[in-house]
Amino acid sequence: MKRRVTASLTLVLIGSASLHGCGDDPPPQARDLYRSRADCQLDWGDDPKKCEPVSSGPHSGFFYGPMYMPGAAGLSSSTPRSGSRAMSTHVSRGGFGSSSSMHSSGG
């Protein structure tokens, strides 16, 4: 009987730890959308890894800048950074499914 209780307790502890991990959302991340690679490079530099072409979807033909943490170093979570050449900002909120992200348009 003692062995059965230990096994049950172990399973409860493992399940509890697993559920706790599910509740922690990763911090939101943002990336700016640009009309051209040149606009992206003016904001982020000449490193080709920082300006990624979008090849499908509604933003096909545009360029994404690198991921950054919104709110860090004065970066906004809803609009492009001040002085940025980005046409909009996409903020990924974490979690599951497409409902976990937000799009904003800027000028």
C-alpha atoms as a PDB file:
ATOM      1  CA  MET A   1       0.000   0.000   0.000  1.00  0.00           C
ATOM      2  CA  LYS A   2       2.856   2.397   0.774  1.00  0.00           C
ATOM      3  CA  ARG A   3       4.274   1.965  -2.730  1.00  0.00           C
ATOM      4  CA  ARG A   4       0.930   2.891  -4.339  1.00  0.00           C
ATOM      5  CA  VAL A   5       0.678   6.121  -2.323  1.00  0.00           C
ATOM      6  CA  THR A   6       4.220   7.125  -3.307  1.00  0.00           C
ATOM      7  CA  ALA A   7       3.487   6.529  -6.995  1.00  0.00           C
ATOM      8  CA  SER A   8       0.264   8.547  -6.778  1.00  0.00           C
ATOM      9  CA  LEU A   9       2.003  11.399  -4.982  1.00  0.00           C
ATOM     10  CA  THR A  10       4.775  11.421  -7.594  1.00  0.00           C
ATOM     11  CA  LEU A  11       2.222  11.633 -10.421  1.00  0.00           C
ATOM     12  CA  VAL A  12       0.377  14.482  -8.690  1.00  0.00           C
ATOM     13  CA  LEU A  13       3.614  16.438  -8.247  1.00  0.00           C
ATOM     14  CA  ILE A  14       4.665  15.898 -11.873  1.00  0.00           C
ATOM     15  CA  GLY A  15       1.222  16.944 -13.150  1.00  0.00           C
ATOM     16  CA  SER A  16       1.222  20.023 -10.947  1.00  0.00           C
ATOM     17  CA  ALA A  17       4.667  21.085 -12.184  1.00  0.00           C
ATOM     18  CA  SER A  18       3.578  20.569 -15.800  1.00  0.00           C
ATOM     19  CA  LEU A  19       0.503  22.762 -15.403  1.00  0.00           C
ATOM     20  CA  HIS A  20       2.498  25.486 -13.716  1.00  0.00           C
ATOM     21  CA  GLY A  21       4.766  25.653 -16.773  1.00  0.00           C
ATOM     22  CA  CYS A  22       1.732  26.129 -19.050  1.00  0.00           C
ATOM     23  CA  GLY A  23       0.614  29.229 -17.191  1.00  0.00           C
ATOM     24  CA  ASP A  24       3.772  31.214 -17.825  1.00  0.00           C
ATOM     25  CA  ASP A  25       3.371  33.197 -21.036  1.00  0.00           C
ATOM     26  CA  PRO A  26       6.551  34.177 -22.825  1.00  0.00           C
ATOM     27  CA  PRO A  27       7.154  37.930 -22.978  1.00  0.00           C
ATOM     28  CA  PRO A  28       5.627  39.625 -26.026  1.00  0.00           C
ATOM     29  CA  GLN A  29       7.861  40.257 -29.001  1.00  0.00           C
ATOM     30  CA  ALA A  30       7.425  42.710 -31.843  1.00  0.00           C
ATOM     31  CA  ARG A  31       8.742  43.137 -35.352  1.00  0.00           C
ATOM     32  CA  ASP A  32       8.257  46.016 -37.742  1.00  0.00           C
ATOM     33  CA  LEU A  33       6.971  45.692 -41.311  1.00  0.00           C
ATOM     34  CA  TYR A  34       8.729  47.648 -44.088  1.00  0.00           C
ATOM     35  CA  ARG A  35       7.876  48.448 -47.708  1.00  0.00           C
ATOM     36  CA  SER A  36      11.472  47.837 -48.806  1.00  0.00           C
ATOM     37  CA  ARG A  37      14.725  46.253 -47.621  1.00  0.00           C
ATOM     38  CA  ALA A  38      16.325  49.716 -47.846  1.00  0.00           C
ATOM     39  CA  ASP A  39      13.832  51.156 -45.322  1.00  0.00           C
ATOM     40  CA  CYS A  40      14.468  48.219 -42.981  1.00  0.00           C
ATOM     41  CA  GLN A  41      18.236  48.587 -43.296  1.00  0.00           C
ATOM     42  CA  LEU A  42      18.055  52.305 -42.534  1.00  0.00           C
ATOM     43  CA  ASP A  43      16.446  51.371 -39.195  1.00  0.00           C
ATOM     44  CA  TRP A  44      18.392  48.207 -38.339  1.00  0.00           C
ATOM     45  CA  GLY A  45      21.681  48.278 -40.288  1.00  0.00           C
ATOM     46  CA  ASP A  46      23.093  46.356 -43.239  1.00  0.00           C
ATOM     47  CA  ASP A  47      23.061  42.860 -41.694  1.00  0.00           C
ATOM     48  CA  PRO A  48      20.895  40.825 -44.118  1.00  0.00           C
ATOM     49  CA  LYS A  49      19.684  38.625 -41.226  1.00  0.00           C
ATOM     50  CA  LYS A  50      17.930  41.629 -39.677  1.00  0.00           C
ATOM     51  CA  CYS A  51      15.649  42.331 -42.660  1.00  0.00           C
ATOM     52  CA  GLU A  52      13.692  39.238 -43.668  1.00  0.00           C
ATOM     53  CA  PRO A  53      11.663  39.185 -46.903  1.00  0.00           C
ATOM     54  CA  VAL A  54       8.047  38.077 -46.501  1.00  0.00           C
ATOM     55  CA  SER A  55       7.267  35.504 -49.193  1.00  0.00           C
ATOM     56  CA  SER A  56       3.629  34.620 -48.457  1.00  0.00           C
ATOM     57  CA  GLY A  57       0.462  35.906 -46.861  1.00  0.00           C
ATOM     58  CA  PRO A  58      -0.937  39.421 -46.822  1.00  0.00           C
ATOM     59  CA  HIS A  59       2.518  40.978 -46.361  1.00  0.00           C
ATOM     60  CA  SER A  60       4.138  39.159 -49.287  1.00  0.00           C
ATOM     61  CA  GLY A  61       6.726  41.386 -50.959  1.00  0.00           C
ATOM     62  CA  PHE A  62       7.409  43.403 -47.801  1.00  0.00           C
ATOM     63  CA  PHE A  63      10.193  42.965 -45.214  1.00  0.00           C
ATOM     64  CA  TYR A  64      10.139  42.169 -41.494  1.00  0.00           C
ATOM     65  CA  GLY A  65      12.713  43.743 -39.217  1.00  0.00           C
ATOM     66  CA  PRO A  66      14.256  41.751 -36.344  1.00  0.00           C
ATOM     67  CA  MET A  67      12.309  40.708 -33.254  1.00  0.00           C
ATOM     68  CA  TYR A  68      12.494  43.029 -30.253  1.00  0.00           C
ATOM     69  CA  MET A  69      10.788  43.313 -26.884  1.00  0.00           C
ATOM     70  CA  PRO A  70       8.115  46.039 -26.960  1.00  0.00           C
ATOM     71  CA  GLY A  71       8.428  48.522 -24.141  1.00  0.00           C
ATOM     72  CA  ALA A  72      12.177  47.889 -23.824  1.00  0.00           C
ATOM     73  CA  ALA A  73      14.351  50.942 -24.400  1.00  0.00           C
ATOM     74  CA  GLY A  74      11.344  53.109 -25.223  1.00  0.00           C
ATOM     75  CA  LEU A  75       9.943  50.764 -27.885  1.00  0.00           C
ATOM     76  CA  SER A  76       6.168  50.895 -28.122  1.00  0.00           C
ATOM     77  CA  SER A  77       3.928  47.847 -28.102  1.00  0.00           C
ATOM     78  CA  SER A  78       1.383  49.216 -30.559  1.00  0.00           C
ATOM     79  CA  THR A  79       3.031  51.537 -33.069  1.00  0.00           C
ATOM     80  CA  PRO A  80       6.384  51.737 -34.850  1.00  0.00           C
ATOM     81  CA  ARG A  81       9.183  53.321 -32.880  1.00  0.00           C
ATOM     82  CA  SER A  82       9.561  57.081 -33.104  1.00  0.00           C
ATOM     83  CA  GLY A  83      11.600  57.925 -36.202  1.00  0.00           C
ATOM     84  CA  SER A  84      11.197  54.425 -37.618  1.00  0.00           C
ATOM     85  CA  ARG A  85      10.550  53.925 -41.320  1.00  0.00           C
ATOM     86  CA  ALA A  86       8.272  50.948 -40.548  1.00  0.00           C
ATOM     87  CA  MET A  87       4.751  51.044 -41.949  1.00  0.00           C
ATOM     88  CA  SER A  88       3.316  48.914 -39.097  1.00  0.00           C
ATOM     89  CA  THR A  89       4.275  46.802 -36.104  1.00  0.00           C
ATOM     90  CA  HIS A  90       3.274  43.226 -35.361  1.00  0.00           C
ATOM     91  CA  VAL A  91       3.267  42.237 -31.678  1.00  0.00           C
ATOM     92  CA  SER A  92       3.256  38.542 -30.802  1.00  0.00           C
ATOM     93  CA  ARG A  93       1.611  38.067 -27.419  1.00  0.00           C
ATOM     94  CA  GLY A  94       2.586  34.420 -26.851  1.00  0.00           C
ATOM     95  CA  GLY A  95       0.157  31.642 -26.015  1.00  0.00           C
ATOM     96  CA  PHE A  96      -1.682  29.443 -28.489  1.00  0.00           C
ATOM     97  CA  GLY A  97      -3.335  30.101 -31.847  1.00  0.00           C
ATOM     98  CA  SER A  98      -3.695  33.143 -34.022  1.00  0.00           C
ATOM     99  CA  SER A  99      -5.815  34.954 -31.439  1.00  0.00           C
ATOM    100  CA  SER A 100      -2.662  35.475 -29.383  1.00  0.00           C
ATOM    101  CA  SER A 101      -1.241  38.202 -31.606  1.00  0.00           C
ATOM    102  CA  MET A 102      -2.065  41.833 -32.308  1.00  0.00           C
ATOM    103  CA  HIS A 103      -1.457  43.911 -35.395  1.00  0.00           C
ATOM    104  CA  SER A 104      -1.314  47.674 -35.469  1.00  0.00           C
ATOM    105  CA  SER A 105      -0.885  50.112 -38.272  1.00  0.00           C
ATOM    106  CA  GLY A 106       1.246  53.181 -38.093  1.00  0.00           C
ATOM    107  CA  GLY A 107       2.508  55.889 -40.287  1.00  0.00           C
END
